[in-house]
Amino acid sequence: MFGTYRTFLALMVVAQHLGGIPTVGAYAVFGFYALSGYLMTFIMQQNYGYSRSGKYKYTINRFLRIYPMYWVSILFSLAVILILSVVVELTGHFNKGL
């Protein structure tokens, strides 16, 4: 059910951006905020609770879900920058054929 609602809200945003339908997107964004608030409250009540240990478990879960991909993307970006800088240094210019 939430998937259908989110799809409808996303289509409303697209309608404003592409179709020029005024204020539809603002209602959709408000709908996303309301849905997000409901789901976060539901998850906190059902899975973690509002005790100190529940908040700690939630924080650790969010950290482990979000930050490892940040570190992977940073390391990948640094590797690409290093490789490209070596190529530019050796050739004197960036070869688009690589």
PDB file of N, CA and C in Angstrom:
ATOM      1  N   MET A   1       0.810  -1.192   0.000  1.00  0.00           N
ATOM      2  CA  MET A   1       0.000   0.000   0.000  1.00  0.00           C
ATOM      3  C   MET A   1       0.859   1.263   0.000  1.00  0.00           C
ATOM      4  N   PHE A   2       1.930   1.273   0.829  1.00  0.00           N
ATOM      5  CA  PHE A   2       2.784   2.456   0.874  1.00  0.00           C
ATOM      6  C   PHE A   2       3.521   2.645  -0.442  1.00  0.00           C
ATOM      7  N   GLY A   3       3.839   1.542  -1.123  1.00  0.00           N
ATOM      8  CA  GLY A   3       4.503   1.645  -2.413  1.00  0.00           C
ATOM      9  C   GLY A   3       3.635   2.354  -3.441  1.00  0.00           C
ATOM     10  N   THR A   4       2.350   2.030  -3.449  1.00  0.00           N
ATOM     11  CA  THR A   4       1.421   2.689  -4.366  1.00  0.00           C
ATOM     12  C   THR A   4       1.300   4.176  -4.032  1.00  0.00           C
ATOM     13  N   TYR A   5       1.215   4.482  -2.756  1.00  0.00           N
ATOM     14  CA  TYR A   5       1.119   5.878  -2.320  1.00  0.00           C
ATOM     15  C   TYR A   5       2.380   6.655  -2.708  1.00  0.00           C
ATOM     16  N   ARG A   6       3.550   6.049  -2.484  1.00  0.00           N
ATOM     17  CA  ARG A   6       4.802   6.715  -2.855  1.00  0.00           C
ATOM     18  C   ARG A   6       4.895   6.915  -4.357  1.00  0.00           C
ATOM     19  N   THR A   7       4.442   5.938  -5.141  1.00  0.00           N
ATOM     20  CA  THR A   7       4.441   6.077  -6.598  1.00  0.00           C
ATOM     21  C   THR A   7       3.550   7.232  -7.023  1.00  0.00           C
ATOM     22  N   PHE A   8       2.376   7.321  -6.439  1.00  0.00           N
ATOM     23  CA  PHE A   8       1.459   8.410  -6.752  1.00  0.00           C
ATOM     24  C   PHE A   8       2.076   9.766  -6.405  1.00  0.00           C
ATOM     25  N   LEU A   9       2.731   9.856  -5.253  1.00  0.00           N
ATOM     26  CA  LEU A   9       3.380  11.110  -4.865  1.00  0.00           C
ATOM     27  C   LEU A   9       4.515  11.461  -5.829  1.00  0.00           C
ATOM     28  N   ALA A  10       5.287  10.463  -6.229  1.00  0.00           N
ATOM     29  CA  ALA A  10       6.378  10.712  -7.177  1.00  0.00           C
ATOM     30  C   ALA A  10       5.836  11.190  -8.520  1.00  0.00           C
ATOM     31  N   LEU A  11       4.728  10.621  -8.962  1.00  0.00           N
ATOM     32  CA  LEU A  11       4.116  11.067 -10.216  1.00  0.00           C
ATOM     33  C   LEU A  11       3.592  12.497 -10.104  1.00  0.00           C
ATOM     34  N   MET A  12       3.145  12.873  -8.915  1.00  0.00           N
ATOM     35  CA  MET A  12       2.713  14.254  -8.711  1.00  0.00           C
ATOM     36  C   MET A  12       3.889  15.223  -8.850  1.00  0.00           C
ATOM     37  N   VAL A  13       5.053  14.828  -8.323  1.00  0.00           N
ATOM     38  CA  VAL A  13       6.243  15.669  -8.461  1.00  0.00           C
ATOM     39  C   VAL A  13       6.634  15.779  -9.924  1.00  0.00           C
ATOM     40  N   VAL A  14       6.599  14.670 -10.645  1.00  0.00           N
ATOM     41  CA  VAL A  14       6.920  14.685 -12.074  1.00  0.00           C
ATOM     42  C   VAL A  14       5.925  15.556 -12.826  1.00  0.00           C
ATOM     43  N   ALA A  15       4.663  15.493 -12.450  1.00  0.00           N
ATOM     44  CA  ALA A  15       3.641  16.310 -13.117  1.00  0.00           C
ATOM     45  C   ALA A  15       3.934  17.794 -12.951  1.00  0.00           C
ATOM     46  N   GLN A  16       4.428  18.181 -11.786  1.00  0.00           N
ATOM     47  CA  GLN A  16       4.746  19.590 -11.614  1.00  0.00           C
ATOM     48  C   GLN A  16       5.982  19.966 -12.414  1.00  0.00           C
ATOM     49  N   HIS A  17       7.004  19.130 -12.382  1.00  0.00           N
ATOM     50  CA  HIS A  17       8.245  19.472 -13.072  1.00  0.00           C
ATOM     51  C   HIS A  17       8.098  19.440 -14.589  1.00  0.00           C
ATOM     52  N   LEU A  18       7.453  18.421 -15.091  1.00  0.00           N
ATOM     53  CA  LEU A  18       7.356  18.272 -16.542  1.00  0.00           C
ATOM     54  C   LEU A  18       6.077  18.847 -17.123  1.00  0.00           C
ATOM     55  N   GLY A  19       4.992  18.724 -16.390  1.00  0.00           N
ATOM     56  CA  GLY A  19       3.706  19.172 -16.907  1.00  0.00           C
ATOM     57  C   GLY A  19       3.351  20.594 -16.554  1.00  0.00           C
ATOM     58  N   GLY A  20       4.081  21.176 -15.642  1.00  0.00           N
ATOM     59  CA  GLY A  20       3.804  22.546 -15.259  1.00  0.00           C
ATOM     60  C   GLY A  20       2.537  22.717 -14.448  1.00  0.00           C
ATOM     61  N   ILE A  21       2.070  21.654 -13.813  1.00  0.00           N
ATOM     62  CA  ILE A  21       0.873  21.749 -12.976  1.00  0.00           C
ATOM     63  C   ILE A  21       1.285  22.396 -11.645  1.00  0.00           C
ATOM     64  N   PRO A  22       0.783  23.572 -11.345  1.00  0.00           N
ATOM     65  CA  PRO A  22       1.269  24.288 -10.164  1.00  0.00           C
ATOM     66  C   PRO A  22       0.807  23.664  -8.849  1.00  0.00           C
ATOM     67  N   THR A  23       1.636  23.761  -7.849  1.00  0.00           N
ATOM     68  CA  THR A  23       1.433  23.380  -6.447  1.00  0.00           C
ATOM     69  C   THR A  23       1.206  21.888  -6.201  1.00  0.00           C
ATOM     70  N   VAL A  24       1.128  21.087  -7.241  1.00  0.00           N
ATOM     71  CA  VAL A  24       0.943  19.642  -7.031  1.00  0.00           C
ATOM     72  C   VAL A  24       2.166  19.061  -6.343  1.00  0.00           C
ATOM     73  N   GLY A  25       3.344  19.516  -6.746  1.00  0.00           N
ATOM     74  CA  GLY A  25       4.579  19.002  -6.157  1.00  0.00           C
ATOM     75  C   GLY A  25       4.701  19.326  -4.682  1.00  0.00           C
ATOM     76  N   ALA A  26       4.231  20.495  -4.270  1.00  0.00           N
ATOM     77  CA  ALA A  26       4.312  20.867  -2.857  1.00  0.00           C
ATOM     78  C   ALA A  26       3.459  19.928  -1.998  1.00  0.00           C
ATOM     79  N   TYR A  27       2.296  19.558  -2.487  1.00  0.00           N
ATOM     80  CA  TYR A  27       1.462  18.595  -1.757  1.00  0.00           C
ATOM     81  C   TYR A  27       2.138  17.223  -1.699  1.00  0.00           C
ATOM     82  N   ALA A  28       2.799  16.851  -2.773  1.00  0.00           N
ATOM     83  CA  ALA A  28       3.487  15.563  -2.807  1.00  0.00           C
ATOM     84  C   ALA A  28       4.638  15.537  -1.808  1.00  0.00           C
ATOM     85  N   VAL A  29       5.415  16.607  -1.742  1.00  0.00           N
ATOM     86  CA  VAL A  29       6.533  16.669  -0.794  1.00  0.00           C
ATOM     87  C   VAL A  29       6.007  16.599   0.641  1.00  0.00           C
ATOM     88  N   PHE A  30       4.922  17.295   0.924  1.00  0.00           N
ATOM     89  CA  PHE A  30       4.314  17.207   2.249  1.00  0.00           C
ATOM     90  C   PHE A  30       3.881  15.762   2.530  1.00  0.00           C
ATOM     91  N   GLY A  31       3.324  15.093   1.525  1.00  0.00           N
ATOM     92  CA  GLY A  31       2.936  13.688   1.681  1.00  0.00           C
ATOM     93  C   GLY A  31       4.128  12.795   1.993  1.00  0.00           C
ATOM     94  N   PHE A  32       5.264  13.040   1.323  1.00  0.00           N
ATOM     95  CA  PHE A  32       6.478  12.267   1.614  1.00  0.00           C
ATOM     96  C   PHE A  32       6.936  12.497   3.047  1.00  0.00           C
ATOM     97  N   TYR A  33       6.899  13.749   3.507  1.00  0.00           N
ATOM     98  CA  TYR A  33       7.296  14.040   4.887  1.00  0.00           C
ATOM     99  C   TYR A  33       6.374  13.349   5.884  1.00  0.00           C
ATOM    100  N   ALA A  34       5.084  13.394   5.634  1.00  0.00           N
ATOM    101  CA  ALA A  34       4.123  12.761   6.542  1.00  0.00           C
ATOM    102  C   ALA A  34       4.328  11.254   6.577  1.00  0.00           C
ATOM    103  N   LEU A  35       4.506  10.647   5.406  1.00  0.00           N
ATOM    104  CA  LEU A  35       4.727   9.204   5.342  1.00  0.00           C
ATOM    105  C   LEU A  35       6.030   8.816   6.028  1.00  0.00           C
ATOM    106  N   SER A  36       7.076   9.585   5.802  1.00  0.00           N
ATOM    107  CA  SER A  36       8.360   9.313   6.435  1.00  0.00           C
ATOM    108  C   SER A  36       8.259   9.408   7.948  1.00  0.00           C
ATOM    109  N   GLY A  37       7.587  10.425   8.446  1.00  0.00           N
ATOM    110  CA  GLY A  37       7.410  10.559   9.887  1.00  0.00           C
ATOM    111  C   GLY A  37       6.630   9.406  10.482  1.00  0.00           C
ATOM    112  N   TYR A  38       5.576   8.989   9.802  1.00  0.00           N
ATOM    113  CA  TYR A  38       4.792   7.858  10.283  1.00  0.00           C
ATOM    114  C   TYR A  38       5.633   6.590  10.329  1.00  0.00           C
ATOM    115  N   LEU A  39       6.354   6.314   9.233  1.00  0.00           N
ATOM    116  CA  LEU A  39       7.137   5.079   9.169  1.00  0.00           C
ATOM    117  C   LEU A  39       8.277   5.075  10.182  1.00  0.00           C
ATOM    118  N   MET A  40       8.935   6.214  10.383  1.00  0.00           N
ATOM    119  CA  MET A  40      10.014   6.267  11.367  1.00  0.00           C
ATOM    120  C   MET A  40       9.477   6.043  12.780  1.00  0.00           C
ATOM    121  N   THR A  41       8.338   6.637  13.095  1.00  0.00           N
ATOM    122  CA  THR A  41       7.730   6.427  14.405  1.00  0.00           C
ATOM    123  C   THR A  41       7.323   4.972  14.582  1.00  0.00           C
ATOM    124  N   PHE A  42       6.734   4.386  13.551  1.00  0.00           N
ATOM    125  CA  PHE A  42       6.320   2.982  13.602  1.00  0.00           C
ATOM    126  C   PHE A  42       7.520   2.069  13.827  1.00  0.00           C
ATOM    127  N   ILE A  43       8.605   2.300  13.095  1.00  0.00           N
ATOM    128  CA  ILE A  43       9.802   1.469  13.230  1.00  0.00           C
ATOM    129  C   ILE A  43      10.404   1.616  14.621  1.00  0.00           C
ATOM    130  N   MET A  44      10.459   2.841  15.121  1.00  0.00           N
ATOM    131  CA  MET A  44      11.010   3.042  16.465  1.00  0.00           C
ATOM    132  C   MET A  44      10.175   2.305  17.518  1.00  0.00           C
ATOM    133  N   GLN A  45       8.861   2.365  17.399  1.00  0.00           N
ATOM    134  CA  GLN A  45       8.006   1.698  18.385  1.00  0.00           C
ATOM    135  C   GLN A  45       8.086   0.183  18.268  1.00  0.00           C
ATOM    136  N   GLN A  46       8.055  -0.342  17.050  1.00  0.00           N
ATOM    137  CA  GLN A  46       7.991  -1.788  16.854  1.00  0.00           C
ATOM    138  C   GLN A  46       9.336  -2.486  17.042  1.00  0.00           C
ATOM    139  N   ASN A  47      10.417  -1.866  16.571  1.00  0.00           N
ATOM    140  CA  ASN A  47      11.703  -2.563  16.527  1.00  0.00           C
ATOM    141  C   ASN A  47      12.682  -2.158  17.619  1.00  0.00           C
ATOM    142  N   TYR A  48      12.680  -0.907  18.034  1.00  0.00           N
ATOM    143  CA  TYR A  48      13.732  -0.429  18.917  1.00  0.00           C
ATOM    144  C   TYR A  48      13.229   0.048  20.263  1.00  0.00           C
ATOM    145  N   GLY A  49      12.166   0.781  20.290  1.00  0.00           N
ATOM    146  CA  GLY A  49      11.696   1.384  21.528  1.00  0.00           C
ATOM    147  C   GLY A  49      12.415   2.688  21.795  1.00  0.00           C
ATOM    148  N   TYR A  50      11.980   3.406  22.799  1.00  0.00           N
ATOM    149  CA  TYR A  50      12.531   4.723  23.088  1.00  0.00           C
ATOM    150  C   TYR A  50      13.434   4.726  24.314  1.00  0.00           C
ATOM    151  N   SER A  51      13.845   3.541  24.749  1.00  0.00           N
ATOM    152  CA  SER A  51      14.788   3.478  25.867  1.00  0.00           C
ATOM    153  C   SER A  51      16.186   3.840  25.358  1.00  0.00           C
ATOM    154  N   ARG A  52      17.106   3.957  26.280  1.00  0.00           N
ATOM    155  CA  ARG A  52      18.484   4.286  25.911  1.00  0.00           C
ATOM    156  C   ARG A  52      19.073   3.192  25.002  1.00  0.00           C
ATOM    157  N   SER A  53      18.829   1.938  25.343  1.00  0.00           N
ATOM    158  CA  SER A  53      19.376   0.847  24.524  1.00  0.00           C
ATOM    159  C   SER A  53      18.706   0.798  23.153  1.00  0.00           C
ATOM    160  N   GLY A  54      17.420   1.109  23.084  1.00  0.00           N
ATOM    161  CA  GLY A  54      16.732   1.133  21.795  1.00  0.00           C
ATOM    162  C   GLY A  54      17.264   2.218  20.884  1.00  0.00           C
ATOM    163  N   LYS A  55      17.491   3.395  21.453  1.00  0.00           N
ATOM    164  CA  LYS A  55      18.060   4.492  20.664  1.00  0.00           C
ATOM    165  C   LYS A  55      19.474   4.152  20.212  1.00  0.00           C
ATOM    166  N   TYR A  56      20.238   3.494  21.077  1.00  0.00           N
ATOM    167  CA  TYR A  56      21.598   3.089  20.732  1.00  0.00           C
ATOM    168  C   TYR A  56      21.578   2.079  19.580  1.00  0.00           C
ATOM    169  N   LYS A  57      20.689   1.080  19.668  1.00  0.00           N
ATOM    170  CA  LYS A  57      20.578   0.079  18.595  1.00  0.00           C
ATOM    171  C   LYS A  57      20.171   0.734  17.278  1.00  0.00           C
ATOM    172  N   TYR A  58      19.244   1.673  17.332  1.00  0.00           N
ATOM    173  CA  TYR A  58      18.812   2.380  16.130  1.00  0.00           C
ATOM    174  C   TYR A  58      19.976   3.157  15.514  1.00  0.00           C
ATOM    175  N   THR A  59      20.728   3.871  16.353  1.00  0.00           N
ATOM    176  CA  THR A  59      21.854   4.664  15.862  1.00  0.00           C
ATOM    177  C   THR A  59      22.915   3.780  15.219  1.00  0.00           C
ATOM    178  N   ILE A  60      23.243   2.671  15.850  1.00  0.00           N
ATOM    179  CA  ILE A  60      24.234   1.745  15.287  1.00  0.00           C
ATOM    180  C   ILE A  60      23.734   1.167  13.972  1.00  0.00           C
ATOM    181  N   ASN A  61      22.465   0.795  13.919  1.00  0.00           N
ATOM    182  CA  ASN A  61      21.886   0.243  12.693  1.00  0.00           C
ATOM    183  C   ASN A  61      21.965   1.246  11.556  1.00  0.00           C
ATOM    184  N   ARG A  62      21.588   2.496  11.813  1.00  0.00           N
ATOM    185  CA  ARG A  62      21.651   3.536  10.769  1.00  0.00           C
ATOM    186  C   ARG A  62      23.088   3.785  10.330  1.00  0.00           C
ATOM    187  N   PHE A  63      24.007   3.834  11.300  1.00  0.00           N
ATOM    188  CA  PHE A  63      25.413   4.050  10.977  1.00  0.00           C
ATOM    189  C   PHE A  63      25.934   2.941  10.070  1.00  0.00           C
ATOM    190  N   LEU A  64      25.641   1.698  10.420  1.00  0.00           N
ATOM    191  CA  LEU A  64      26.129   0.571   9.621  1.00  0.00           C
ATOM    192  C   LEU A  64      25.443   0.481   8.266  1.00  0.00           C
ATOM    193  N   ARG A  65      24.259   1.022   8.143  1.00  0.00           N
ATOM    194  CA  ARG A  65      23.550   1.001   6.869  1.00  0.00           C
ATOM    195  C   ARG A  65      24.055   2.087   5.920  1.00  0.00           C
ATOM    196  N   ILE A  66      24.432   3.232   6.458  1.00  0.00           N
ATOM    197  CA  ILE A  66      24.754   4.384   5.623  1.00  0.00           C
ATOM    198  C   ILE A  66      26.252   4.544   5.379  1.00  0.00           C
ATOM    199  N   TYR A  67      27.069   4.566   6.430  1.00  0.00           N
ATOM    200  CA  TYR A  67      28.450   4.996   6.296  1.00  0.00           C
ATOM    201  C   TYR A  67      29.384   4.036   5.563  1.00  0.00           C
ATOM    202  N   PRO A  68      29.223   2.731   5.617  1.00  0.00           N
ATOM    203  CA  PRO A  68      30.142   1.885   4.834  1.00  0.00           C
ATOM    204  C   PRO A  68      30.123   2.203   3.337  1.00  0.00           C
ATOM    205  N   MET A  69      28.966   2.510   2.773  1.00  0.00           N
ATOM    206  CA  MET A  69      28.921   2.851   1.347  1.00  0.00           C
ATOM    207  C   MET A  69      29.598   4.192   1.081  1.00  0.00           C
ATOM    208  N   TYR A  70      29.530   5.111   2.026  1.00  0.00           N
ATOM    209  CA  TYR A  70      30.258   6.370   1.875  1.00  0.00           C
ATOM    210  C   TYR A  70      31.755   6.101   1.786  1.00  0.00           C
ATOM    211  N   TRP A  71      32.257   5.252   2.680  1.00  0.00           N
ATOM    212  CA  TRP A  71      33.688   4.952   2.665  1.00  0.00           C
ATOM    213  C   TRP A  71      34.090   4.221   1.392  1.00  0.00           C
ATOM    214  N   VAL A  72      33.259   3.315   0.920  1.00  0.00           N
ATOM    215  CA  VAL A  72      33.560   2.619  -0.341  1.00  0.00           C
ATOM    216  C   VAL A  72      33.607   3.616  -1.492  1.00  0.00           C
ATOM    217  N   SER A  73      32.661   4.518  -1.557  1.00  0.00           N
ATOM    218  CA  SER A  73      32.648   5.495  -2.651  1.00  0.00           C
ATOM    219  C   SER A  73      33.821   6.463  -2.550  1.00  0.00           C
ATOM    220  N   ILE A  74      34.214   6.836  -1.343  1.00  0.00           N
ATOM    221  CA  ILE A  74      35.379   7.712  -1.180  1.00  0.00           C
ATOM    222  C   ILE A  74      36.643   7.003  -1.636  1.00  0.00           C
ATOM    223  N   LEU A  75      36.830   5.750  -1.223  1.00  0.00           N
ATOM    224  CA  LEU A  75      38.016   5.008  -1.634  1.00  0.00           C
ATOM    225  C   LEU A  75      38.038   4.777  -3.140  1.00  0.00           C
ATOM    226  N   PHE A  76      36.892   4.483  -3.726  1.00  0.00           N
ATOM    227  CA  PHE A  76      36.816   4.307  -5.179  1.00  0.00           C
ATOM    228  C   PHE A  76      37.165   5.608  -5.896  1.00  0.00           C
ATOM    229  N   SER A  77      36.636   6.714  -5.415  1.00  0.00           N
ATOM    230  CA  SER A  77      36.924   8.014  -6.030  1.00  0.00           C
ATOM    231  C   SER A  77      38.400   8.364  -5.925  1.00  0.00           C
ATOM    232  N   LEU A  78      38.993   8.098  -4.768  1.00  0.00           N
ATOM    233  CA  LEU A  78      40.415   8.363  -4.612  1.00  0.00           C
ATOM    234  C   LEU A  78      41.251   7.500  -5.547  1.00  0.00           C
ATOM    235  N   ALA A  79      40.862   6.240  -5.720  1.00  0.00           N
ATOM    236  CA  ALA A  79      41.588   5.360  -6.639  1.00  0.00           C
ATOM    237  C   ALA A  79      41.487   5.874  -8.068  1.00  0.00           C
ATOM    238  N   VAL A  80      40.307   6.305  -8.480  1.00  0.00           N
ATOM    239  CA  VAL A  80      40.126   6.840  -9.833  1.00  0.00           C
ATOM    240  C   VAL A  80      40.947   8.110 -10.014  1.00  0.00           C
ATOM    241  N   ILE A  81      40.937   8.983  -9.034  1.00  0.00           N
ATOM    242  CA  ILE A  81      41.716  10.223  -9.117  1.00  0.00           C
ATOM    243  C   ILE A  81      43.204   9.905  -9.214  1.00  0.00           C
ATOM    244  N   LEU A  82      43.669   8.958  -8.405  1.00  0.00           N
ATOM    245  CA  LEU A  82      45.078   8.574  -8.436  1.00  0.00           C
ATOM    246  C   LEU A  82      45.463   7.996  -9.789  1.00  0.00           C
ATOM    247  N   ILE A  83      44.647   7.104 -10.313  1.00  0.00           N
ATOM    248  CA  ILE A  83      44.930   6.490 -11.614  1.00  0.00           C
ATOM    249  C   ILE A  83      44.928   7.539 -12.716  1.00  0.00           C
ATOM    250  N   LEU A  84      43.925   8.408 -12.721  1.00  0.00           N
ATOM    251  CA  LEU A  84      43.856   9.446 -13.749  1.00  0.00           C
ATOM    252  C   LEU A  84      45.003  10.441 -13.631  1.00  0.00           C
ATOM    253  N   SER A  85      45.426  10.752 -12.421  1.00  0.00           N
ATOM    254  CA  SER A  85      46.544  11.691 -12.278  1.00  0.00           C
ATOM    255  C   SER A  85      47.833  11.078 -12.793  1.00  0.00           C
ATOM    256  N   VAL A  86      48.022   9.771 -12.605  1.00  0.00           N
ATOM    257  CA  VAL A  86      49.203   9.097 -13.148  1.00  0.00           C
ATOM    258  C   VAL A  86      49.139   9.099 -14.668  1.00  0.00           C
ATOM    259  N   VAL A  87      47.987   8.837 -15.240  1.00  0.00           N
ATOM    260  CA  VAL A  87      47.831   8.822 -16.697  1.00  0.00           C
ATOM    261  C   VAL A  87      48.117  10.210 -17.259  1.00  0.00           C
ATOM    262  N   VAL A  88      47.586  11.240 -16.636  1.00  0.00           N
ATOM    263  CA  VAL A  88      47.801  12.607 -17.115  1.00  0.00           C
ATOM    264  C   VAL A  88      49.274  12.986 -16.983  1.00  0.00           C
ATOM    265  N   GLU A  89      49.897  12.565 -15.894  1.00  0.00           N
ATOM    266  CA  GLU A  89      51.316  12.882 -15.691  1.00  0.00           C
ATOM    267  C   GLU A  89      52.198  12.179 -16.715  1.00  0.00           C
ATOM    268  N   LEU A  90      51.876  10.943 -17.048  1.00  0.00           N
ATOM    269  CA  LEU A  90      52.681  10.193 -18.005  1.00  0.00           C
ATOM    270  C   LEU A  90      52.472  10.658 -19.436  1.00  0.00           C
ATOM    271  N   THR A  91      51.266  10.981 -19.786  1.00  0.00           N
ATOM    272  CA  THR A  91      50.971  11.341 -21.172  1.00  0.00           C
ATOM    273  C   THR A  91      50.976  12.845 -21.395  1.00  0.00           C
ATOM    274  N   GLY A  92      50.819  13.606 -20.355  1.00  0.00           N
ATOM    275  CA  GLY A  92      50.773  15.054 -20.508  1.00  0.00           C
ATOM    276  C   GLY A  92      49.391  15.584 -20.817  1.00  0.00           C
ATOM    277  N   HIS A  93      48.458  14.708 -21.060  1.00  0.00           N
ATOM    278  CA  HIS A  93      47.066  15.128 -21.302  1.00  0.00           C
ATOM    279  C   HIS A  93      46.139  13.968 -20.996  1.00  0.00           C
ATOM    280  N   PHE A  94      44.894  14.283 -20.888  1.00  0.00           N
ATOM    281  CA  PHE A  94      43.893  13.250 -20.607  1.00  0.00           C
ATOM    282  C   PHE A  94      43.438  12.624 -21.907  1.00  0.00           C
ATOM    283  N   ASN A  95      43.631  11.317 -22.024  1.00  0.00           N
ATOM    284  CA  ASN A  95      43.252  10.584 -23.232  1.00  0.00           C
ATOM    285  C   ASN A  95      41.818  10.091 -23.067  1.00  0.00           C
ATOM    286  N   LYS A  96      40.920  10.575 -23.900  1.00  0.00           N
ATOM    287  CA  LYS A  96      39.512  10.201 -23.774  1.00  0.00           C
ATOM    288  C   LYS A  96      39.270   8.769 -24.229  1.00  0.00           C
ATOM    289  N   GLY A  97      40.234   8.137 -24.840  1.00  0.00           N
ATOM    290  CA  GLY A  97      40.055   6.781 -25.337  1.00  0.00           C
ATOM    291  C   GLY A  97      40.241   5.714 -24.291  1.00  0.00           C
ATOM    292  N   LEU A  98      40.599   6.069 -23.064  1.00  0.00           N
ATOM    293  CA  LEU A  98      40.810   5.063 -22.025  1.00  0.00           C
ATOM    294  C   LEU A  98      39.530   4.452 -21.563  1.00  0.00           C
TER     295      LEU A  98
END
